[in-house]
Amino acid sequence: MNHAPPVSDRISPPAPLAPVDAIVLGASAGGVEALLAILAALPASFVLPIVAVVHIPRDQPSLLVEVLGARARLAVREAEDKELLLPGLTIAPPDYHVLLDFDRGVRHLAGAQDVRLALSNDALVSYCRPAIDVLFQSAAEVLGPRVAGVILTGANADGALGLRAIKAEGGLCAVQSPAEAPSRAMPEAAITSAQPQLVAPLHRITQWMIALDAHRADDTESTIFYDR
């Protein structure tokens, strides 16, 4: 007798491409290894900014920049308050939420605006600070349909509401296949909450991110300004 796999284990067809200005990414248990696999495959020419929240101990210094930077061909940095959203990978620091926000005092040609990062020590969300939901919900508010959200392996439901917010604004959503994830609780919660366009193994999510970056290079309608 054939038994169909659970919905959360099925691999979705290729996700649609649309112009985006940034990728936000969340991970928890097993997330460092997942991020390393993605970063090792991203080319140095990749220019879409990636902002990531990885659950790490709040009371210890983070080594994520050093660990991830050793495998990446992109710039890897820890987020700083009020800094511009830039190409490369930006990681939330320990014990601070990271958010996206418009620099409302700066406008460029054709109305394009700078997007900056904001750090917050507001209350824990889903027992976490930094929390994935906080980043994703701010990205949905600031970038609307021009953001892609990615949820990777993790052991709680953080990110599920934020990914749903991105989907509600018309953004693109991808989730690591729970069958591949070392901890499947976070992918499963995100799938149930957001019904993402792509549920797939890491290698396919990476290919999709590269395709989004190539699509971005041909985009002439971005409202976000950043220096490549």
C-alpha atoms as a PDB file:
ATOM      1  CA  MET A   1       0.000   0.000   0.000  1.00  0.00           C
ATOM      2  CA  ASN A   2       1.298   3.462  -0.915  1.00  0.00           C
ATOM      3  CA  HIS A   3       1.259   6.007   1.888  1.00  0.00           C
ATOM      4  CA  ALA A   4       1.519   9.638   0.876  1.00  0.00           C
ATOM      5  CA  PRO A   5       4.019  11.607   2.969  1.00  0.00           C
ATOM      6  CA  PRO A   6       2.705  14.222   5.398  1.00  0.00           C
ATOM      7  CA  VAL A   7       1.943  17.513   3.705  1.00  0.00           C
ATOM      8  CA  SER A   8       4.881  19.126   5.515  1.00  0.00           C
ATOM      9  CA  ASP A   9       7.267  16.569   3.964  1.00  0.00           C
ATOM     10  CA  ARG A  10       6.146  17.036   0.377  1.00  0.00           C
ATOM     11  CA  ILE A  11       8.427  19.042  -1.876  1.00  0.00           C
ATOM     12  CA  SER A  12       6.577  21.870  -3.558  1.00  0.00           C
ATOM     13  CA  PRO A  13       6.969  22.775  -7.229  1.00  0.00           C
ATOM     14  CA  PRO A  14       9.362  25.577  -8.190  1.00  0.00           C
ATOM     15  CA  ALA A  15       8.553  28.792  -6.345  1.00  0.00           C
ATOM     16  CA  PRO A  16       7.582  31.859  -8.350  1.00  0.00           C
ATOM     17  CA  LEU A  17      10.091  34.615  -8.900  1.00  0.00           C
ATOM     18  CA  ALA A  18       9.282  38.240  -8.199  1.00  0.00           C
ATOM     19  CA  PRO A  19      11.416  41.328  -7.663  1.00  0.00           C
ATOM     20  CA  VAL A  20      12.541  41.583  -4.038  1.00  0.00           C
ATOM     21  CA  ASP A  21      14.832  44.012  -2.250  1.00  0.00           C
ATOM     22  CA  ALA A  22      15.971  41.775   0.616  1.00  0.00           C
ATOM     23  CA  ILE A  23      15.830  38.282   2.056  1.00  0.00           C
ATOM     24  CA  VAL A  24      15.090  37.713   5.746  1.00  0.00           C
ATOM     25  CA  LEU A  25      15.979  34.375   7.240  1.00  0.00           C
ATOM     26  CA  GLY A  26      15.341  32.625  10.530  1.00  0.00           C
ATOM     27  CA  ALA A  27      16.788  29.494  12.093  1.00  0.00           C
ATOM     28  CA  SER A  28      17.207  27.839  15.455  1.00  0.00           C
ATOM     29  CA  ALA A  29      18.418  24.355  16.391  1.00  0.00           C
ATOM     30  CA  GLY A  30      20.655  23.106  13.591  1.00  0.00           C
ATOM     31  CA  GLY A  31      20.536  26.502  11.937  1.00  0.00           C
ATOM     32  CA  VAL A  32      24.252  27.244  11.907  1.00  0.00           C
ATOM     33  CA  GLU A  33      24.952  24.146   9.836  1.00  0.00           C
ATOM     34  CA  ALA A  34      22.061  24.985   7.505  1.00  0.00           C
ATOM     35  CA  LEU A  35      23.315  28.536   7.023  1.00  0.00           C
ATOM     36  CA  LEU A  36      26.825  27.269   6.356  1.00  0.00           C
ATOM     37  CA  ALA A  37      25.488  25.047   3.584  1.00  0.00           C
ATOM     38  CA  ILE A  38      23.626  27.959   1.997  1.00  0.00           C
ATOM     39  CA  LEU A  39      26.515  30.398   2.278  1.00  0.00           C
ATOM     40  CA  ALA A  40      29.000  27.959   0.778  1.00  0.00           C
ATOM     41  CA  ALA A  41      26.861  27.860  -2.385  1.00  0.00           C
ATOM     42  CA  LEU A  42      26.125  31.577  -2.788  1.00  0.00           C
ATOM     43  CA  PRO A  43      28.440  33.265  -5.310  1.00  0.00           C
ATOM     44  CA  ALA A  44      30.491  36.342  -4.516  1.00  0.00           C
ATOM     45  CA  SER A  45      28.358  38.219  -7.060  1.00  0.00           C
ATOM     46  CA  PHE A  46      25.216  37.785  -4.906  1.00  0.00           C
ATOM     47  CA  VAL A  47      23.986  41.290  -3.991  1.00  0.00           C
ATOM     48  CA  LEU A  48      20.568  40.909  -2.348  1.00  0.00           C
ATOM     49  CA  PRO A  49      20.901  41.845   1.337  1.00  0.00           C
ATOM     50  CA  ILE A  50      20.222  38.949   3.721  1.00  0.00           C
ATOM     51  CA  VAL A  51      19.263  39.661   7.329  1.00  0.00           C
ATOM     52  CA  ALA A  52      19.209  36.629   9.596  1.00  0.00           C
ATOM     53  CA  VAL A  53      18.096  35.760  13.105  1.00  0.00           C
ATOM     54  CA  VAL A  54      19.660  32.629  14.538  1.00  0.00           C
ATOM     55  CA  HIS A  55      18.674  31.638  18.069  1.00  0.00           C
ATOM     56  CA  ILE A  56      21.792  31.758  20.210  1.00  0.00           C
ATOM     57  CA  PRO A  57      22.355  32.135  23.977  1.00  0.00           C
ATOM     58  CA  ARG A  58      21.461  35.666  25.045  1.00  0.00           C
ATOM     59  CA  ASP A  59      24.125  35.858  27.743  1.00  0.00           C
ATOM     60  CA  GLN A  60      27.197  34.892  25.720  1.00  0.00           C
ATOM     61  CA  PRO A  61      29.231  36.614  22.987  1.00  0.00           C
ATOM     62  CA  SER A  62      28.363  35.405  19.506  1.00  0.00           C
ATOM     63  CA  LEU A  63      30.891  33.756  17.208  1.00  0.00           C
ATOM     64  CA  LEU A  64      28.466  33.577  14.288  1.00  0.00           C
ATOM     65  CA  VAL A  65      30.236  36.232  12.221  1.00  0.00           C
ATOM     66  CA  GLU A  66      33.544  34.378  12.466  1.00  0.00           C
ATOM     67  CA  VAL A  67      32.047  30.919  11.919  1.00  0.00           C
ATOM     68  CA  LEU A  68      29.815  31.893   8.993  1.00  0.00           C
ATOM     69  CA  GLY A  69      32.304  34.306   7.479  1.00  0.00           C
ATOM     70  CA  ALA A  70      34.884  31.538   7.187  1.00  0.00           C
ATOM     71  CA  ARG A  71      32.676  29.737   4.660  1.00  0.00           C
ATOM     72  CA  ALA A  72      31.026  32.674   2.899  1.00  0.00           C
ATOM     73  CA  ARG A  73      32.051  34.536  -0.217  1.00  0.00           C
ATOM     74  CA  LEU A  74      29.774  37.361   0.931  1.00  0.00           C
ATOM     75  CA  ALA A  75      30.458  39.980   3.554  1.00  0.00           C
ATOM     76  CA  VAL A  76      29.206  38.787   6.960  1.00  0.00           C
ATOM     77  CA  ARG A  77      28.566  41.314   9.720  1.00  0.00           C
ATOM     78  CA  GLU A  78      26.718  41.692  12.997  1.00  0.00           C
ATOM     79  CA  ALA A  79      23.826  44.148  12.882  1.00  0.00           C
ATOM     80  CA  GLU A  80      24.363  47.601  14.335  1.00  0.00           C
ATOM     81  CA  ASP A  81      21.645  50.079  15.220  1.00  0.00           C
ATOM     82  CA  LYS A  82      20.789  52.581  12.468  1.00  0.00           C
ATOM     83  CA  GLU A  83      23.191  51.084   9.913  1.00  0.00           C
ATOM     84  CA  LEU A  84      22.111  50.873   6.291  1.00  0.00           C
ATOM     85  CA  LEU A  85      20.752  47.658   4.847  1.00  0.00           C
ATOM     86  CA  LEU A  86      23.648  46.491   2.681  1.00  0.00           C
ATOM     87  CA  PRO A  87      24.509  43.539   0.451  1.00  0.00           C
ATOM     88  CA  GLY A  88      25.927  40.560   2.294  1.00  0.00           C
ATOM     89  CA  LEU A  89      24.711  38.695   5.360  1.00  0.00           C
ATOM     90  CA  THR A  90      23.774  40.651   8.473  1.00  0.00           C
ATOM     91  CA  ILE A  91      23.278  38.668  11.687  1.00  0.00           C
ATOM     92  CA  ALA A  92      21.233  39.749  14.696  1.00  0.00           C
ATOM     93  CA  PRO A  93      23.429  40.211  17.801  1.00  0.00           C
ATOM     94  CA  PRO A  94      22.786  38.328  21.044  1.00  0.00           C
ATOM     95  CA  ASP A  95      19.921  39.630  23.199  1.00  0.00           C
ATOM     96  CA  TYR A  96      18.656  42.214  20.684  1.00  0.00           C
ATOM     97  CA  HIS A  97      15.775  42.083  18.287  1.00  0.00           C
ATOM     98  CA  VAL A  98      16.696  43.363  14.823  1.00  0.00           C
ATOM     99  CA  LEU A  99      14.143  45.186  12.656  1.00  0.00           C
ATOM    100  CA  LEU A 100      14.030  46.896   9.276  1.00  0.00           C
ATOM    101  CA  ASP A 101      12.977  50.537   9.115  1.00  0.00           C
ATOM    102  CA  PHE A 102      12.881  53.281   6.501  1.00  0.00           C
ATOM    103  CA  ASP A 103      15.266  56.188   6.885  1.00  0.00           C
ATOM    104  CA  ARG A 104      12.454  58.672   6.548  1.00  0.00           C
ATOM    105  CA  GLY A 105      14.769  61.640   6.243  1.00  0.00           C
ATOM    106  CA  VAL A 106      16.558  60.450   3.104  1.00  0.00           C
ATOM    107  CA  ARG A 107      15.129  60.102  -0.390  1.00  0.00           C
ATOM    108  CA  HIS A 108      16.931  59.417  -3.625  1.00  0.00           C
ATOM    109  CA  LEU A 109      16.099  59.625  -7.296  1.00  0.00           C
ATOM    110  CA  ALA A 110      12.553  58.484  -8.167  1.00  0.00           C
ATOM    111  CA  GLY A 111      11.591  58.359  -4.485  1.00  0.00           C
ATOM    112  CA  ALA A 112      13.769  55.412  -3.517  1.00  0.00           C
ATOM    113  CA  GLN A 113      14.552  55.300   0.191  1.00  0.00           C
ATOM    114  CA  ASP A 114      17.311  53.995   2.401  1.00  0.00           C
ATOM    115  CA  VAL A 115      16.384  51.089   4.644  1.00  0.00           C
ATOM    116  CA  ARG A 116      18.167  50.901   7.948  1.00  0.00           C
ATOM    117  CA  LEU A 117      18.446  48.337  10.698  1.00  0.00           C
ATOM    118  CA  ALA A 118      17.116  48.980  14.173  1.00  0.00           C
ATOM    119  CA  LEU A 119      18.041  47.106  17.341  1.00  0.00           C
ATOM    120  CA  SER A 120      15.628  46.695  20.231  1.00  0.00           C
ATOM    121  CA  ASN A 121      15.776  45.157  23.693  1.00  0.00           C
ATOM    122  CA  ASP A 122      12.001  44.950  23.983  1.00  0.00           C
ATOM    123  CA  ALA A 123      10.474  41.923  25.683  1.00  0.00           C
ATOM    124  CA  LEU A 124      11.207  38.385  24.535  1.00  0.00           C
ATOM    125  CA  VAL A 125       8.969  37.035  21.773  1.00  0.00           C
ATOM    126  CA  SER A 126       8.364  33.276  21.716  1.00  0.00           C
ATOM    127  CA  TYR A 127      10.890  33.130  24.562  1.00  0.00           C
ATOM    128  CA  CYS A 128      13.517  34.581  22.225  1.00  0.00           C
ATOM    129  CA  ARG A 129      15.526  37.752  21.783  1.00  0.00           C
ATOM    130  CA  PRO A 130      16.392  38.120  18.966  1.00  0.00           C
ATOM    131  CA  ALA A 131      13.112  36.770  17.620  1.00  0.00           C
ATOM    132  CA  ILE A 132      12.480  35.793  14.019  1.00  0.00           C
ATOM    133  CA  ASP A 133       8.895  37.066  14.168  1.00  0.00           C
ATOM    134  CA  VAL A 134      10.061  40.584  15.040  1.00  0.00           C
ATOM    135  CA  LEU A 135      12.403  40.755  12.041  1.00  0.00           C
ATOM    136  CA  PHE A 136       9.915  39.225   9.606  1.00  0.00           C
ATOM    137  CA  GLN A 137       6.990  41.395  10.699  1.00  0.00           C
ATOM    138  CA  SER A 138       9.082  44.555  10.332  1.00  0.00           C
ATOM    139  CA  ALA A 139      10.249  43.406   6.895  1.00  0.00           C
ATOM    140  CA  ALA A 140       6.649  42.841   5.817  1.00  0.00           C
ATOM    141  CA  GLU A 141       5.689  46.310   7.031  1.00  0.00           C
ATOM    142  CA  VAL A 142       8.633  48.098   5.408  1.00  0.00           C
ATOM    143  CA  LEU A 143       9.105  46.150   2.171  1.00  0.00           C
ATOM    144  CA  GLY A 144       5.623  44.763   1.556  1.00  0.00           C
ATOM    145  CA  PRO A 145       5.666  42.391  -1.419  1.00  0.00           C
ATOM    146  CA  ARG A 146       9.336  43.074  -2.133  1.00  0.00           C
ATOM    147  CA  VAL A 147      10.798  40.764   0.503  1.00  0.00           C
ATOM    148  CA  ALA A 148      11.454  37.031   0.653  1.00  0.00           C
ATOM    149  CA  GLY A 149      11.292  35.168   3.951  1.00  0.00           C
ATOM    150  CA  VAL A 150      13.075  31.885   4.630  1.00  0.00           C
ATOM    151  CA  ILE A 151      12.541  29.596   7.631  1.00  0.00           C
ATOM    152  CA  LEU A 152      15.080  26.869   8.320  1.00  0.00           C
ATOM    153  CA  THR A 153      15.413  24.164  10.955  1.00  0.00           C
ATOM    154  CA  GLY A 154      14.384  24.948  14.524  1.00  0.00           C
ATOM    155  CA  ALA A 155      12.756  23.587  17.651  1.00  0.00           C
ATOM    156  CA  ASN A 156       9.979  26.114  18.321  1.00  0.00           C
ATOM    157  CA  ALA A 157       7.359  28.110  16.408  1.00  0.00           C
ATOM    158  CA  ASP A 158       9.202  31.441  16.182  1.00  0.00           C
ATOM    159  CA  GLY A 159       8.929  32.819  12.654  1.00  0.00           C
ATOM    160  CA  ALA A 160       5.554  31.283  11.825  1.00  0.00           C
ATOM    161  CA  LEU A 161       3.599  34.494  12.424  1.00  0.00           C
ATOM    162  CA  GLY A 162       6.255  36.622  10.754  1.00  0.00           C
ATOM    163  CA  LEU A 163       6.292  34.450   7.651  1.00  0.00           C
ATOM    164  CA  ARG A 164       2.508  34.677   7.507  1.00  0.00           C
ATOM    165  CA  ALA A 165       2.813  38.485   7.660  1.00  0.00           C
ATOM    166  CA  ILE A 166       5.198  38.437   4.687  1.00  0.00           C
ATOM    167  CA  LYS A 167       2.830  36.187   2.731  1.00  0.00           C
ATOM    168  CA  ALA A 168      -0.110  38.468   3.570  1.00  0.00           C
ATOM    169  CA  GLU A 169       1.755  41.443   2.101  1.00  0.00           C
ATOM    170  CA  GLY A 170       2.415  39.546  -1.124  1.00  0.00           C
ATOM    171  CA  GLY A 171       6.008  38.599  -0.347  1.00  0.00           C
ATOM    172  CA  LEU A 172       7.685  35.300  -1.160  1.00  0.00           C
ATOM    173  CA  CYS A 173       8.109  32.542   1.420  1.00  0.00           C
ATOM    174  CA  ALA A 174      10.288  29.447   1.572  1.00  0.00           C
ATOM    175  CA  VAL A 175      10.653  26.803   4.257  1.00  0.00           C
ATOM    176  CA  GLN A 176      13.208  24.036   4.615  1.00  0.00           C
ATOM    177  CA  SER A 177      11.619  20.629   4.155  1.00  0.00           C
ATOM    178  CA  PRO A 178      10.846  19.236   7.628  1.00  0.00           C
ATOM    179  CA  ALA A 179      11.991  15.824   6.412  1.00  0.00           C
ATOM    180  CA  GLU A 180      15.493  17.258   5.950  1.00  0.00           C
ATOM    181  CA  ALA A 181      15.584  19.601   8.960  1.00  0.00           C
ATOM    182  CA  PRO A 182      17.396  18.364  12.084  1.00  0.00           C
ATOM    183  CA  SER A 183      14.615  20.024  14.100  1.00  0.00           C
ATOM    184  CA  ARG A 184      11.330  20.040  12.242  1.00  0.00           C
ATOM    185  CA  ALA A 185       9.087  21.977  14.663  1.00  0.00           C
ATOM    186  CA  MET A 186       9.902  25.416  13.244  1.00  0.00           C
ATOM    187  CA  PRO A 187       9.464  24.441   9.565  1.00  0.00           C
ATOM    188  CA  GLU A 188       6.214  22.638  10.343  1.00  0.00           C
ATOM    189  CA  ALA A 189       4.813  25.614  12.257  1.00  0.00           C
ATOM    190  CA  ALA A 190       5.780  27.965   9.403  1.00  0.00           C
ATOM    191  CA  ILE A 191       4.168  25.722   6.792  1.00  0.00           C
ATOM    192  CA  THR A 192       0.936  25.506   8.755  1.00  0.00           C
ATOM    193  CA  SER A 193       0.840  29.253   9.417  1.00  0.00           C
ATOM    194  CA  ALA A 194       1.986  30.704   6.094  1.00  0.00           C
ATOM    195  CA  GLN A 195       1.398  28.085   3.380  1.00  0.00           C
ATOM    196  CA  PRO A 196       4.692  29.110   1.725  1.00  0.00           C
ATOM    197  CA  GLN A 197       5.265  29.044  -2.019  1.00  0.00           C
ATOM    198  CA  LEU A 198       8.318  26.798  -1.593  1.00  0.00           C
ATOM    199  CA  VAL A 199       8.971  23.879   0.757  1.00  0.00           C
ATOM    200  CA  ALA A 200      12.227  22.266  -0.245  1.00  0.00           C
ATOM    201  CA  PRO A 201      15.653  20.963   0.795  1.00  0.00           C
ATOM    202  CA  LEU A 202      18.438  23.456   1.397  1.00  0.00           C
ATOM    203  CA  HIS A 203      20.011  23.076  -2.028  1.00  0.00           C
ATOM    204  CA  ARG A 204      16.767  24.055  -3.751  1.00  0.00           C
ATOM    205  CA  ILE A 205      16.204  26.991  -1.420  1.00  0.00           C
ATOM    206  CA  THR A 206      19.724  28.155  -2.237  1.00  0.00           C
ATOM    207  CA  GLN A 207      19.065  27.860  -5.975  1.00  0.00           C
ATOM    208  CA  TRP A 208      15.867  29.871  -5.504  1.00  0.00           C
ATOM    209  CA  MET A 209      17.751  32.601  -3.628  1.00  0.00           C
ATOM    210  CA  ILE A 210      20.294  32.817  -6.446  1.00  0.00           C
ATOM    211  CA  ALA A 211      17.461  33.066  -8.971  1.00  0.00           C
ATOM    212  CA  LEU A 212      15.880  35.869  -6.930  1.00  0.00           C
ATOM    213  CA  ASP A 213      19.177  37.730  -6.987  1.00  0.00           C
ATOM    214  CA  ALA A 214      19.444  37.360 -10.762  1.00  0.00           C
ATOM    215  CA  HIS A 215      15.845  38.560 -11.091  1.00  0.00           C
ATOM    216  CA  ARG A 216      16.693  41.555  -8.887  1.00  0.00           C
ATOM    217  CA  ALA A 217      19.517  42.540 -11.228  1.00  0.00           C
ATOM    218  CA  ASP A 218      16.990  43.092 -14.021  1.00  0.00           C
ATOM    219  CA  ASP A 219      14.512  44.987 -11.836  1.00  0.00           C
ATOM    220  CA  THR A 220      13.982  48.667 -12.638  1.00  0.00           C
ATOM    221  CA  GLU A 221      11.126  49.340 -10.199  1.00  0.00           C
ATOM    222  CA  SER A 222      12.811  49.013  -6.794  1.00  0.00           C
ATOM    223  CA  THR A 223      11.867  51.634  -4.250  1.00  0.00           C
ATOM    224  CA  ILE A 224      14.842  50.790  -2.065  1.00  0.00           C
ATOM    225  CA  PHE A 225      18.197  52.478  -2.448  1.00  0.00           C
ATOM    226  CA  TYR A 226      21.432  50.845  -1.462  1.00  0.00           C
ATOM    227  CA  ASP A 227      24.987  51.041  -2.709  1.00  0.00           C
ATOM    228  CA  ARG A 228      25.992  47.833  -4.448  1.00  0.00           C
END
